[in-house]
């Protein structure tokens, strides 16, 4: 167990518990020490647990995807990083992804099985409120929702419709309306899944589940997207099954990584600082079925969990090339699938 006050804490959701591992991270070495394993109340069976932090790092929310569907809210102790359960609030469906807007007042969720986007209020004590403030329906296999830094634009990939929703967001009312246009089409059959912003917010990146590609988009002044490029994650000639999952950009905006579950691999790309386009730098084996991974706030380490290995590997990111060097492997709970970071100091 970790002793003393940690500088950075990693939170790992374990679907098979369900529980959240709270881990102190050494910023220099990337070494992790378990602080506590926190049961998540309310789950009737093992469930994947997407998580979302409030922008101020004071609260953590986890979505329970098995019935009864709920958002479990936790307060984060500012000294130790430990979690205190605040309560559960019903969610309208099983949510594949959740995020908190820049004010910390609204929880936005995407439901893959329910085909919808929902927005719930968050009260001043960090608890999610029900019922939803808004429900956007008829979006089959909606898989992600992200909010830009201005807090005025929301994007949501819809896998079955092969589109990215382009929405305007009103933080005063907690509601979205279509931009003009309200959607942009991806490649046919691509299966748009997750999105990640470049730190400069000029570019937005998409990972496609069924074709394992990364799409680069320019974000225009009005919040609409212009396609720049699509690049392959897997090696040329690969003909096996495909299930791409997650993607993240380093805090300095130099590198992007994506995970692919069938090959249990991570693919890396260099980002051109002027154009936002991608060039491949390599691929690396990782934990079995890497549904989720994350990059630490300083961009020095990448943490990858295996849904089917019940372990996590920490990689050092080479600052010059972006190559990943495995450092250490850690046991997790059952079915780890999501990671979030908080800096305490």
C-alpha atoms as a PDB file:
ATOM      1  CA  UNK A   1       0.000   0.000   0.000  1.00  0.00           C
ATOM      2  CA  UNK A   2       1.136   3.557  -0.741  1.00  0.00           C
ATOM      3  CA  UNK A   3       2.263   5.687   2.171  1.00  0.00           C
ATOM      4  CA  UNK A   4       2.426   9.467   2.411  1.00  0.00           C
ATOM      5  CA  UNK A   5       0.751  12.059   0.223  1.00  0.00           C
ATOM      6  CA  UNK A   6       0.804  11.215  -3.506  1.00  0.00           C
ATOM      7  CA  UNK A   7       1.412  13.864  -6.170  1.00  0.00           C
ATOM      8  CA  UNK A   8      -0.553  12.136  -8.923  1.00  0.00           C
ATOM      9  CA  UNK A   9      -3.260   9.494  -8.591  1.00  0.00           C
ATOM     10  CA  UNK A  10      -4.492   7.044 -11.233  1.00  0.00           C
ATOM     11  CA  UNK A  11      -8.019   5.642 -10.974  1.00  0.00           C
ATOM     12  CA  UNK A  12      -8.671   2.316 -12.702  1.00  0.00           C
ATOM     13  CA  UNK A  13     -12.186   0.913 -13.017  1.00  0.00           C
ATOM     14  CA  UNK A  14     -12.462  -2.870 -12.832  1.00  0.00           C
ATOM     15  CA  UNK A  15     -15.686  -4.154 -14.375  1.00  0.00           C
ATOM     16  CA  UNK A  16     -15.595  -7.593 -12.787  1.00  0.00           C
ATOM     17  CA  UNK A  17     -15.645  -6.302  -9.203  1.00  0.00           C
ATOM     18  CA  UNK A  18     -16.938  -3.848  -9.734  1.00  0.00           C
ATOM     19  CA  UNK A  19     -14.361  -1.678  -8.033  1.00  0.00           C
ATOM     20  CA  UNK A  20     -12.026   1.248  -8.618  1.00  0.00           C
ATOM     21  CA  UNK A  21      -8.315   0.922  -7.863  1.00  0.00           C
ATOM     22  CA  UNK A  22      -6.819   4.130  -6.495  1.00  0.00           C
ATOM     23  CA  UNK A  23      -3.074   4.201  -7.240  1.00  0.00           C
ATOM     24  CA  UNK A  24      -0.333   6.673  -6.316  1.00  0.00           C
ATOM     25  CA  UNK A  25       1.976   7.422  -9.253  1.00  0.00           C
ATOM     26  CA  UNK A  26       5.580   8.547  -9.030  1.00  0.00           C
ATOM     27  CA  UNK A  27       5.886  11.283 -11.625  1.00  0.00           C
ATOM     28  CA  UNK A  28       9.554  10.625 -12.322  1.00  0.00           C
ATOM     29  CA  UNK A  29       9.580   6.826 -12.555  1.00  0.00           C
ATOM     30  CA  UNK A  30       5.965   5.963 -13.368  1.00  0.00           C
ATOM     31  CA  UNK A  31       5.935   3.478 -10.481  1.00  0.00           C
ATOM     32  CA  UNK A  32       2.465   2.821  -9.061  1.00  0.00           C
ATOM     33  CA  UNK A  33       1.414   1.885  -5.523  1.00  0.00           C
ATOM     34  CA  UNK A  34      -2.071   0.820  -4.551  1.00  0.00           C
ATOM     35  CA  UNK A  35      -3.747   3.225  -2.126  1.00  0.00           C
ATOM     36  CA  UNK A  36      -7.101   1.434  -1.937  1.00  0.00           C
ATOM     37  CA  UNK A  37      -9.585  -0.662  -3.897  1.00  0.00           C
ATOM     38  CA  UNK A  38     -13.030   0.919  -3.626  1.00  0.00           C
ATOM     39  CA  UNK A  39     -16.170  -1.170  -4.230  1.00  0.00           C
ATOM     40  CA  UNK A  40     -18.733   0.562  -6.432  1.00  0.00           C
ATOM     41  CA  UNK A  41     -22.173   0.130  -4.860  1.00  0.00           C
ATOM     42  CA  UNK A  42     -25.253  -0.651  -6.879  1.00  0.00           C
ATOM     43  CA  UNK A  43     -24.055  -3.055  -9.580  1.00  0.00           C
ATOM     44  CA  UNK A  44     -26.075  -6.251  -9.805  1.00  0.00           C
ATOM     45  CA  UNK A  45     -23.452  -8.011 -11.964  1.00  0.00           C
ATOM     46  CA  UNK A  46     -20.023  -7.317 -13.497  1.00  0.00           C
ATOM     47  CA  UNK A  47     -20.235  -4.229 -15.649  1.00  0.00           C
ATOM     48  CA  UNK A  48     -17.809  -2.101 -17.626  1.00  0.00           C
ATOM     49  CA  UNK A  49     -17.424   1.257 -15.969  1.00  0.00           C
ATOM     50  CA  UNK A  50     -16.595   4.346 -18.012  1.00  0.00           C
ATOM     51  CA  UNK A  51     -15.507   7.144 -15.697  1.00  0.00           C
ATOM     52  CA  UNK A  52     -15.449  10.944 -15.873  1.00  0.00           C
ATOM     53  CA  UNK A  53     -13.681  13.533 -13.725  1.00  0.00           C
ATOM     54  CA  UNK A  54     -14.909  17.030 -13.039  1.00  0.00           C
ATOM     55  CA  UNK A  55     -12.563  19.702 -14.443  1.00  0.00           C
ATOM     56  CA  UNK A  56     -11.494  20.777 -10.951  1.00  0.00           C
ATOM     57  CA  UNK A  57     -10.500  17.213 -10.032  1.00  0.00           C
ATOM     58  CA  UNK A  58     -12.781  17.159  -6.983  1.00  0.00           C
ATOM     59  CA  UNK A  59     -15.257  14.498  -8.105  1.00  0.00           C
ATOM     60  CA  UNK A  60     -15.219  11.228 -10.044  1.00  0.00           C
ATOM     61  CA  UNK A  61     -18.274   9.626 -11.660  1.00  0.00           C
ATOM     62  CA  UNK A  62     -18.544   6.010 -12.845  1.00  0.00           C
ATOM     63  CA  UNK A  63     -21.352   4.621 -15.008  1.00  0.00           C
ATOM     64  CA  UNK A  64     -22.752   1.188 -14.132  1.00  0.00           C
ATOM     65  CA  UNK A  65     -23.703  -0.450 -17.429  1.00  0.00           C
ATOM     66  CA  UNK A  66     -25.667  -3.393 -16.007  1.00  0.00           C
ATOM     67  CA  UNK A  67     -29.125  -2.906 -14.544  1.00  0.00           C
ATOM     68  CA  UNK A  68     -29.987  -0.908 -12.549  1.00  0.00           C
ATOM     69  CA  UNK A  69     -28.159   1.644 -14.720  1.00  0.00           C
ATOM     70  CA  UNK A  70     -26.664   4.360 -12.554  1.00  0.00           C
ATOM     71  CA  UNK A  71     -23.951   6.960 -12.129  1.00  0.00           C
ATOM     72  CA  UNK A  72     -21.930   6.412  -8.960  1.00  0.00           C
ATOM     73  CA  UNK A  73     -20.463   9.689  -7.696  1.00  0.00           C
ATOM     74  CA  UNK A  74     -17.358   9.986  -5.507  1.00  0.00           C
ATOM     75  CA  UNK A  75     -15.605  12.867  -3.795  1.00  0.00           C
ATOM     76  CA  UNK A  76     -11.808  12.863  -4.168  1.00  0.00           C
ATOM     77  CA  UNK A  77      -9.829  13.626  -1.020  1.00  0.00           C
ATOM     78  CA  UNK A  78      -7.467  16.455  -2.037  1.00  0.00           C
ATOM     79  CA  UNK A  79      -4.635  15.199   0.177  1.00  0.00           C
ATOM     80  CA  UNK A  80      -4.705  11.435  -0.367  1.00  0.00           C
ATOM     81  CA  UNK A  81      -6.721  10.878  -3.547  1.00  0.00           C
ATOM     82  CA  UNK A  82      -8.988   8.448  -1.710  1.00  0.00           C
ATOM     83  CA  UNK A  83     -12.608   8.166  -2.819  1.00  0.00           C
ATOM     84  CA  UNK A  84     -15.708   8.787  -0.737  1.00  0.00           C
ATOM     85  CA  UNK A  85     -18.969   7.505  -2.222  1.00  0.00           C
ATOM     86  CA  UNK A  86     -21.571  10.254  -2.410  1.00  0.00           C
ATOM     87  CA  UNK A  87     -24.417   8.247  -3.883  1.00  0.00           C
ATOM     88  CA  UNK A  88     -25.850   6.739  -7.043  1.00  0.00           C
ATOM     89  CA  UNK A  89     -28.269   8.380  -9.460  1.00  0.00           C
ATOM     90  CA  UNK A  90     -30.336   6.482 -12.049  1.00  0.00           C
ATOM     91  CA  UNK A  91     -29.198   6.829 -15.650  1.00  0.00           C
ATOM     92  CA  UNK A  92     -31.568   6.531 -18.586  1.00  0.00           C
ATOM     93  CA  UNK A  93     -29.706   3.579 -20.134  1.00  0.00           C
ATOM     94  CA  UNK A  94     -26.446   1.629 -20.273  1.00  0.00           C
ATOM     95  CA  UNK A  95     -23.765   4.226 -21.001  1.00  0.00           C
ATOM     96  CA  UNK A  96     -20.616   3.453 -22.982  1.00  0.00           C
ATOM     97  CA  UNK A  97     -18.991   6.823 -22.359  1.00  0.00           C
ATOM     98  CA  UNK A  98     -19.411   9.821 -20.083  1.00  0.00           C
ATOM     99  CA  UNK A  99     -17.842  13.245 -19.719  1.00  0.00           C
ATOM    100  CA  UNK A 100     -18.355  16.362 -17.612  1.00  0.00           C
ATOM    101  CA  UNK A 101     -18.656  19.802 -19.203  1.00  0.00           C
ATOM    102  CA  UNK A 102     -16.165  22.580 -18.412  1.00  0.00           C
ATOM    103  CA  UNK A 103     -18.363  24.106 -15.698  1.00  0.00           C
ATOM    104  CA  UNK A 104     -18.669  20.805 -13.820  1.00  0.00           C
ATOM    105  CA  UNK A 105     -22.449  21.203 -13.789  1.00  0.00           C
ATOM    106  CA  UNK A 106     -23.446  18.728 -16.498  1.00  0.00           C
ATOM    107  CA  UNK A 107     -22.771  15.020 -17.120  1.00  0.00           C
ATOM    108  CA  UNK A 108     -23.015  14.033 -20.776  1.00  0.00           C
ATOM    109  CA  UNK A 109     -23.375  10.326 -21.598  1.00  0.00           C
ATOM    110  CA  UNK A 110     -23.493   8.250 -24.784  1.00  0.00           C
ATOM    111  CA  UNK A 111     -25.523   5.025 -24.771  1.00  0.00           C
ATOM    112  CA  UNK A 112     -24.371   2.348 -27.209  1.00  0.00           C
ATOM    113  CA  UNK A 113     -27.256  -0.130 -26.665  1.00  0.00           C
ATOM    114  CA  UNK A 114     -29.839   2.599 -26.128  1.00  0.00           C
ATOM    115  CA  UNK A 115     -28.795   4.715 -29.106  1.00  0.00           C
ATOM    116  CA  UNK A 116     -28.996   8.040 -27.307  1.00  0.00           C
ATOM    117  CA  UNK A 117     -27.137  10.980 -25.807  1.00  0.00           C
ATOM    118  CA  UNK A 118     -28.235  12.153 -22.353  1.00  0.00           C
ATOM    119  CA  UNK A 119     -27.400  15.188 -20.215  1.00  0.00           C
ATOM    120  CA  UNK A 120     -27.849  15.104 -16.419  1.00  0.00           C
ATOM    121  CA  UNK A 121     -27.301  17.919 -13.966  1.00  0.00           C
ATOM    122  CA  UNK A 122     -24.601  17.679 -11.270  1.00  0.00           C
ATOM    123  CA  UNK A 123     -25.365  19.474  -8.008  1.00  0.00           C
ATOM    124  CA  UNK A 124     -22.968  21.639  -6.021  1.00  0.00           C
ATOM    125  CA  UNK A 125     -21.997  18.700  -3.807  1.00  0.00           C
ATOM    126  CA  UNK A 126     -20.864  16.597  -6.769  1.00  0.00           C
ATOM    127  CA  UNK A 127     -23.900  14.310  -7.068  1.00  0.00           C
ATOM    128  CA  UNK A 128     -25.486  13.469 -10.410  1.00  0.00           C
ATOM    129  CA  UNK A 129     -29.185  14.322 -10.540  1.00  0.00           C
ATOM    130  CA  UNK A 130     -32.033  12.474 -12.240  1.00  0.00           C
ATOM    131  CA  UNK A 131     -34.020  12.469 -14.505  1.00  0.00           C
ATOM    132  CA  UNK A 132     -31.964  13.658 -17.499  1.00  0.00           C
ATOM    133  CA  UNK A 133     -32.173  17.297 -18.426  1.00  0.00           C
ATOM    134  CA  UNK A 134     -32.164  16.287 -22.109  1.00  0.00           C
ATOM    135  CA  UNK A 135     -32.249  13.083 -24.184  1.00  0.00           C
ATOM    136  CA  UNK A 136     -31.185  12.994 -27.846  1.00  0.00           C
ATOM    137  CA  UNK A 137     -32.712   9.813 -29.270  1.00  0.00           C
ATOM    138  CA  UNK A 138     -32.427   7.662 -32.397  1.00  0.00           C
ATOM    139  CA  UNK A 139     -28.634   7.550 -32.497  1.00  0.00           C
ATOM    140  CA  UNK A 140     -27.925   3.778 -32.648  1.00  0.00           C
ATOM    141  CA  UNK A 141     -24.643   2.733 -31.055  1.00  0.00           C
ATOM    142  CA  UNK A 142     -23.637   6.220 -29.932  1.00  0.00           C
ATOM    143  CA  UNK A 143     -20.224   5.533 -28.436  1.00  0.00           C
ATOM    144  CA  UNK A 144     -18.554   8.680 -27.105  1.00  0.00           C
ATOM    145  CA  UNK A 145     -19.224  12.300 -26.249  1.00  0.00           C
ATOM    146  CA  UNK A 146     -16.657  15.085 -25.854  1.00  0.00           C
ATOM    147  CA  UNK A 147     -16.916  18.822 -25.139  1.00  0.00           C
ATOM    148  CA  UNK A 148     -14.479  21.405 -26.507  1.00  0.00           C
ATOM    149  CA  UNK A 149     -12.497  23.851 -24.368  1.00  0.00           C
ATOM    150  CA  UNK A 150     -14.889  26.727 -25.104  1.00  0.00           C
ATOM    151  CA  UNK A 151     -17.730  24.602 -23.672  1.00  0.00           C
ATOM    152  CA  UNK A 152     -19.805  25.555 -26.706  1.00  0.00           C
ATOM    153  CA  UNK A 153     -19.445  22.503 -28.939  1.00  0.00           C
ATOM    154  CA  UNK A 154     -20.149  18.799 -28.387  1.00  0.00           C
ATOM    155  CA  UNK A 155     -19.216  15.878 -30.631  1.00  0.00           C
ATOM    156  CA  UNK A 156     -20.619  12.348 -30.558  1.00  0.00           C
ATOM    157  CA  UNK A 157     -19.662   9.472 -32.905  1.00  0.00           C
ATOM    158  CA  UNK A 158     -22.605   7.232 -33.816  1.00  0.00           C
ATOM    159  CA  UNK A 159     -21.288   3.853 -34.955  1.00  0.00           C
ATOM    160  CA  UNK A 160     -24.364   2.472 -36.734  1.00  0.00           C
ATOM    161  CA  UNK A 161     -25.047   5.694 -38.641  1.00  0.00           C
ATOM    162  CA  UNK A 162     -21.371   6.220 -39.590  1.00  0.00           C
ATOM    163  CA  UNK A 163     -21.455   9.851 -38.479  1.00  0.00           C
ATOM    164  CA  UNK A 164     -20.089  12.301 -35.930  1.00  0.00           C
ATOM    165  CA  UNK A 165     -22.752  14.543 -34.429  1.00  0.00           C
ATOM    166  CA  UNK A 166     -21.776  18.226 -34.399  1.00  0.00           C
ATOM    167  CA  UNK A 167     -23.755  19.943 -31.658  1.00  0.00           C
ATOM    168  CA  UNK A 168     -23.900  23.376 -30.065  1.00  0.00           C
ATOM    169  CA  UNK A 169     -23.958  23.315 -26.257  1.00  0.00           C
ATOM    170  CA  UNK A 170     -25.604  25.836 -23.943  1.00  0.00           C
ATOM    171  CA  UNK A 171     -24.002  25.511 -20.508  1.00  0.00           C
ATOM    172  CA  UNK A 172     -26.646  27.743 -18.945  1.00  0.00           C
ATOM    173  CA  UNK A 173     -29.494  25.407 -19.891  1.00  0.00           C
ATOM    174  CA  UNK A 174     -27.557  22.125 -20.186  1.00  0.00           C
ATOM    175  CA  UNK A 175     -28.951  21.397 -23.632  1.00  0.00           C
ATOM    176  CA  UNK A 176     -27.560  20.724 -27.108  1.00  0.00           C
ATOM    177  CA  UNK A 177     -28.835  21.731 -30.540  1.00  0.00           C
ATOM    178  CA  UNK A 178     -27.536  20.742 -33.988  1.00  0.00           C
ATOM    179  CA  UNK A 179     -24.752  22.809 -35.484  1.00  0.00           C
ATOM    180  CA  UNK A 180     -24.976  23.655 -39.175  1.00  0.00           C
ATOM    181  CA  UNK A 181     -24.659  20.961 -40.382  1.00  0.00           C
ATOM    182  CA  UNK A 182     -25.573  18.777 -37.412  1.00  0.00           C
ATOM    183  CA  UNK A 183     -23.408  15.830 -38.496  1.00  0.00           C
ATOM    184  CA  UNK A 184     -20.481  14.806 -40.660  1.00  0.00           C
ATOM    185  CA  UNK A 185     -20.190  11.412 -42.355  1.00  0.00           C
ATOM    186  CA  UNK A 186     -17.199   9.147 -41.790  1.00  0.00           C
ATOM    187  CA  UNK A 187     -15.949   6.445 -44.145  1.00  0.00           C
ATOM    188  CA  UNK A 188     -18.651   3.879 -45.022  1.00  0.00           C
ATOM    189  CA  UNK A 189     -18.565   0.921 -42.626  1.00  0.00           C
ATOM    190  CA  UNK A 190     -15.802   2.475 -40.510  1.00  0.00           C
ATOM    191  CA  UNK A 191     -17.650   2.241 -37.199  1.00  0.00           C
ATOM    192  CA  UNK A 192     -16.768   5.597 -35.545  1.00  0.00           C
ATOM    193  CA  UNK A 193     -16.083   4.933 -31.847  1.00  0.00           C
ATOM    194  CA  UNK A 194     -13.991   7.342 -29.713  1.00  0.00           C
ATOM    195  CA  UNK A 195     -12.736  10.920 -30.112  1.00  0.00           C
ATOM    196  CA  UNK A 196      -9.744  12.838 -28.715  1.00  0.00           C
ATOM    197  CA  UNK A 197      -8.870  16.534 -29.008  1.00  0.00           C
ATOM    198  CA  UNK A 198      -5.441  17.869 -29.776  1.00  0.00           C
ATOM    199  CA  UNK A 199      -4.361  20.116 -26.858  1.00  0.00           C
ATOM    200  CA  UNK A 200      -4.570  23.183 -29.103  1.00  0.00           C
ATOM    201  CA  UNK A 201      -8.230  22.289 -29.879  1.00  0.00           C
ATOM    202  CA  UNK A 202      -7.629  22.971 -33.585  1.00  0.00           C
ATOM    203  CA  UNK A 203      -7.790  19.258 -34.383  1.00  0.00           C
ATOM    204  CA  UNK A 204     -10.036  16.379 -33.376  1.00  0.00           C
ATOM    205  CA  UNK A 205      -9.181  12.705 -33.896  1.00  0.00           C
ATOM    206  CA  UNK A 206     -11.464   9.703 -34.393  1.00  0.00           C
ATOM    207  CA  UNK A 207     -10.784   5.991 -33.976  1.00  0.00           C
ATOM    208  CA  UNK A 208     -12.947   3.614 -36.040  1.00  0.00           C
ATOM    209  CA  UNK A 209     -13.862   0.306 -34.434  1.00  0.00           C
ATOM    210  CA  UNK A 210     -14.578  -1.897 -37.449  1.00  0.00           C
ATOM    211  CA  UNK A 211     -11.781  -0.718 -39.774  1.00  0.00           C
ATOM    212  CA  UNK A 212      -9.057   0.261 -37.248  1.00  0.00           C
ATOM    213  CA  UNK A 213      -8.256   3.643 -38.713  1.00  0.00           C
ATOM    214  CA  UNK A 214      -7.577   7.056 -37.186  1.00  0.00           C
ATOM    215  CA  UNK A 215      -9.275  10.066 -38.743  1.00  0.00           C
ATOM    216  CA  UNK A 216      -7.900  13.586 -38.377  1.00  0.00           C
ATOM    217  CA  UNK A 217     -10.278  16.563 -38.524  1.00  0.00           C
ATOM    218  CA  UNK A 218      -9.753  20.302 -38.437  1.00  0.00           C
ATOM    219  CA  UNK A 219     -12.102  22.144 -36.061  1.00  0.00           C
ATOM    220  CA  UNK A 220     -13.477  25.221 -37.794  1.00  0.00           C
ATOM    221  CA  UNK A 221     -14.308  28.502 -36.044  1.00  0.00           C
ATOM    222  CA  UNK A 222     -18.017  27.624 -35.887  1.00  0.00           C
ATOM    223  CA  UNK A 223     -17.303  24.195 -34.368  1.00  0.00           C
ATOM    224  CA  UNK A 224     -17.890  22.132 -37.491  1.00  0.00           C
ATOM    225  CA  UNK A 225     -15.333  19.546 -38.643  1.00  0.00           C
ATOM    226  CA  UNK A 226     -13.366  19.246 -41.871  1.00  0.00           C
ATOM    227  CA  UNK A 227     -11.842  15.852 -42.665  1.00  0.00           C
ATOM    228  CA  UNK A 228      -8.087  15.955 -43.203  1.00  0.00           C
ATOM    229  CA  UNK A 229      -6.920  12.338 -43.335  1.00  0.00           C
ATOM    230  CA  UNK A 230      -7.518   8.694 -42.411  1.00  0.00           C
ATOM    231  CA  UNK A 231      -4.585   6.401 -41.578  1.00  0.00           C
ATOM    232  CA  UNK A 232      -4.465   2.659 -40.884  1.00  0.00           C
ATOM    233  CA  UNK A 233      -3.588   1.369 -37.414  1.00  0.00           C
ATOM    234  CA  UNK A 234      -2.758  -2.216 -38.399  1.00  0.00           C
ATOM    235  CA  UNK A 235       0.046  -3.526 -40.578  1.00  0.00           C
ATOM    236  CA  UNK A 236      -0.529  -3.673 -44.349  1.00  0.00           C
ATOM    237  CA  UNK A 237      -2.025  -6.978 -45.402  1.00  0.00           C
ATOM    238  CA  UNK A 238      -3.619  -7.774 -42.061  1.00  0.00           C
ATOM    239  CA  UNK A 239      -6.816  -9.783 -42.699  1.00  0.00           C
ATOM    240  CA  UNK A 240      -7.865 -10.939 -39.229  1.00  0.00           C
ATOM    241  CA  UNK A 241     -10.719  -9.688 -37.038  1.00  0.00           C
ATOM    242  CA  UNK A 242     -10.721  -6.019 -36.017  1.00  0.00           C
ATOM    243  CA  UNK A 243     -11.992  -4.232 -32.911  1.00  0.00           C
ATOM    244  CA  UNK A 244     -10.242  -0.892 -32.396  1.00  0.00           C
ATOM    245  CA  UNK A 245     -11.078   0.729 -29.079  1.00  0.00           C
ATOM    246  CA  UNK A 246      -9.515   3.857 -27.611  1.00  0.00           C
ATOM    247  CA  UNK A 247      -7.217   6.766 -28.525  1.00  0.00           C
ATOM    248  CA  UNK A 248      -5.340   9.512 -26.690  1.00  0.00           C
ATOM    249  CA  UNK A 249      -3.036  12.425 -27.552  1.00  0.00           C
ATOM    250  CA  UNK A 250       0.002  13.367 -25.463  1.00  0.00           C
ATOM    251  CA  UNK A 251      -0.362  16.650 -23.519  1.00  0.00           C
ATOM    252  CA  UNK A 252       2.303  18.314 -25.687  1.00  0.00           C
ATOM    253  CA  UNK A 253       0.342  17.396 -28.821  1.00  0.00           C
ATOM    254  CA  UNK A 254       3.243  15.583 -30.493  1.00  0.00           C
ATOM    255  CA  UNK A 255       1.987  11.989 -30.478  1.00  0.00           C
ATOM    256  CA  UNK A 256      -1.259  10.025 -30.728  1.00  0.00           C
ATOM    257  CA  UNK A 257      -1.857   6.399 -29.745  1.00  0.00           C
ATOM    258  CA  UNK A 258      -4.728   4.009 -30.452  1.00  0.00           C
ATOM    259  CA  UNK A 259      -5.583   0.563 -29.061  1.00  0.00           C
ATOM    260  CA  UNK A 260      -6.810  -2.477 -30.993  1.00  0.00           C
ATOM    261  CA  UNK A 261      -8.418  -5.331 -29.078  1.00  0.00           C
ATOM    262  CA  UNK A 262      -8.167  -8.295 -31.476  1.00  0.00           C
ATOM    263  CA  UNK A 263      -4.407  -7.942 -31.922  1.00  0.00           C
ATOM    264  CA  UNK A 264      -3.923  -6.599 -28.362  1.00  0.00           C
ATOM    265  CA  UNK A 265      -1.708  -3.834 -29.656  1.00  0.00           C
ATOM    266  CA  UNK A 266      -1.054  -0.107 -29.432  1.00  0.00           C
ATOM    267  CA  UNK A 267      -0.348   1.944 -32.563  1.00  0.00           C
ATOM    268  CA  UNK A 268       1.536   5.236 -32.380  1.00  0.00           C
ATOM    269  CA  UNK A 269       1.554   8.287 -34.677  1.00  0.00           C
ATOM    270  CA  UNK A 270       3.465  11.552 -34.859  1.00  0.00           C
ATOM    271  CA  UNK A 271       1.269  14.652 -35.227  1.00  0.00           C
ATOM    272  CA  UNK A 272       2.364  17.386 -37.628  1.00  0.00           C
ATOM    273  CA  UNK A 273       2.171  20.601 -35.546  1.00  0.00           C
ATOM    274  CA  UNK A 274       1.012  22.723 -38.458  1.00  0.00           C
ATOM    275  CA  UNK A 275      -1.451  20.514 -40.289  1.00  0.00           C
ATOM    276  CA  UNK A 276      -2.558  18.089 -37.558  1.00  0.00           C
ATOM    277  CA  UNK A 277      -1.988  15.140 -39.895  1.00  0.00           C
ATOM    278  CA  UNK A 278      -0.550  11.827 -38.723  1.00  0.00           C
ATOM    279  CA  UNK A 279       2.449   9.699 -39.661  1.00  0.00           C
ATOM    280  CA  UNK A 280       2.934   6.227 -38.225  1.00  0.00           C
ATOM    281  CA  UNK A 281       5.805   5.658 -35.791  1.00  0.00           C
ATOM    282  CA  UNK A 282       5.213   2.034 -34.784  1.00  0.00           C
ATOM    283  CA  UNK A 283       3.108  -0.507 -32.928  1.00  0.00           C
ATOM    284  CA  UNK A 284       3.640  -2.410 -29.707  1.00  0.00           C
ATOM    285  CA  UNK A 285       2.072  -5.492 -28.087  1.00  0.00           C
ATOM    286  CA  UNK A 286       0.096  -4.772 -24.953  1.00  0.00           C
ATOM    287  CA  UNK A 287      -2.321  -6.351 -22.484  1.00  0.00           C
ATOM    288  CA  UNK A 288      -4.998  -8.720 -23.798  1.00  0.00           C
ATOM    289  CA  UNK A 289      -8.023  -6.794 -25.058  1.00  0.00           C
ATOM    290  CA  UNK A 290      -6.940  -3.193 -24.367  1.00  0.00           C
ATOM    291  CA  UNK A 291     -10.352  -1.566 -24.177  1.00  0.00           C
ATOM    292  CA  UNK A 292      -8.912   1.447 -22.378  1.00  0.00           C
ATOM    293  CA  UNK A 293      -5.617   3.211 -21.750  1.00  0.00           C
ATOM    294  CA  UNK A 294      -4.467   6.661 -20.650  1.00  0.00           C
ATOM    295  CA  UNK A 295      -1.494   9.033 -20.754  1.00  0.00           C
ATOM    296  CA  UNK A 296      -0.287  10.734 -17.575  1.00  0.00           C
ATOM    297  CA  UNK A 297      -0.678  14.537 -17.294  1.00  0.00           C
ATOM    298  CA  UNK A 298       2.994  15.209 -18.140  1.00  0.00           C
ATOM    299  CA  UNK A 299       2.999  12.892 -21.159  1.00  0.00           C
ATOM    300  CA  UNK A 300       5.834  10.739 -19.848  1.00  0.00           C
ATOM    301  CA  UNK A 301       3.973   7.459 -19.344  1.00  0.00           C
ATOM    302  CA  UNK A 302       1.195   5.483 -21.012  1.00  0.00           C
ATOM    303  CA  UNK A 303      -0.861   3.061 -18.899  1.00  0.00           C
ATOM    304  CA  UNK A 304      -2.678   0.231 -20.715  1.00  0.00           C
ATOM    305  CA  UNK A 305      -5.110  -2.200 -19.074  1.00  0.00           C
ATOM    306  CA  UNK A 306      -6.235  -5.572 -20.416  1.00  0.00           C
ATOM    307  CA  UNK A 307      -9.904  -6.460 -20.148  1.00  0.00           C
ATOM    308  CA  UNK A 308      -8.955 -10.143 -20.463  1.00  0.00           C
ATOM    309  CA  UNK A 309      -5.544 -10.127 -18.759  1.00  0.00           C
ATOM    310  CA  UNK A 310      -6.606  -8.423 -15.507  1.00  0.00           C
ATOM    311  CA  UNK A 311      -3.321  -6.518 -15.587  1.00  0.00           C
ATOM    312  CA  UNK A 312      -1.880  -3.139 -16.479  1.00  0.00           C
ATOM    313  CA  UNK A 313       1.417  -2.291 -18.162  1.00  0.00           C
ATOM    314  CA  UNK A 314       3.149   1.060 -17.734  1.00  0.00           C
ATOM    315  CA  UNK A 315       5.148   2.283 -20.748  1.00  0.00           C
ATOM    316  CA  UNK A 316       7.629   5.142 -20.852  1.00  0.00           C
ATOM    317  CA  UNK A 317       7.065   7.417 -23.858  1.00  0.00           C
ATOM    318  CA  UNK A 318      10.310   8.374 -25.590  1.00  0.00           C
ATOM    319  CA  UNK A 319      10.254  12.139 -25.950  1.00  0.00           C
ATOM    320  CA  UNK A 320      12.154  12.149 -29.248  1.00  0.00           C
ATOM    321  CA  UNK A 321      10.415   9.365 -31.173  1.00  0.00           C
ATOM    322  CA  UNK A 322       7.212   8.566 -29.276  1.00  0.00           C
ATOM    323  CA  UNK A 323       8.226   4.901 -29.013  1.00  0.00           C
ATOM    324  CA  UNK A 324       6.816   2.975 -26.048  1.00  0.00           C
ATOM    325  CA  UNK A 325       9.150   1.189 -23.635  1.00  0.00           C
ATOM    326  CA  UNK A 326       7.442  -1.213 -21.192  1.00  0.00           C
ATOM    327  CA  UNK A 327       8.447  -0.483 -17.588  1.00  0.00           C
ATOM    328  CA  UNK A 328       6.401  -2.633 -15.255  1.00  0.00           C
ATOM    329  CA  UNK A 329       3.252  -4.764 -15.139  1.00  0.00           C
ATOM    330  CA  UNK A 330       0.714  -4.598 -12.320  1.00  0.00           C
ATOM    331  CA  UNK A 331      -2.134  -6.890 -11.258  1.00  0.00           C
ATOM    332  CA  UNK A 332      -5.544  -5.248 -11.431  1.00  0.00           C
ATOM    333  CA  UNK A 333      -9.029  -6.328 -10.452  1.00  0.00           C
ATOM    334  CA  UNK A 334     -11.206  -8.298 -12.853  1.00  0.00           C
ATOM    335  CA  UNK A 335     -11.795  -6.795 -16.296  1.00  0.00           C
ATOM    336  CA  UNK A 336     -10.020  -3.418 -15.960  1.00  0.00           C
ATOM    337  CA  UNK A 337     -11.256  -1.063 -18.646  1.00  0.00           C
ATOM    338  CA  UNK A 338     -10.900   2.659 -17.846  1.00  0.00           C
ATOM    339  CA  UNK A 339      -8.214   4.982 -16.407  1.00  0.00           C
ATOM    340  CA  UNK A 340      -8.356   8.581 -15.178  1.00  0.00           C
ATOM    341  CA  UNK A 341      -5.621  10.788 -13.637  1.00  0.00           C
ATOM    342  CA  UNK A 342      -5.719  13.528 -10.998  1.00  0.00           C
ATOM    343  CA  UNK A 343      -2.814  15.750  -9.952  1.00  0.00           C
ATOM    344  CA  UNK A 344      -3.054  16.523  -6.239  1.00  0.00           C
ATOM    345  CA  UNK A 345      -0.103  18.925  -6.168  1.00  0.00           C
END
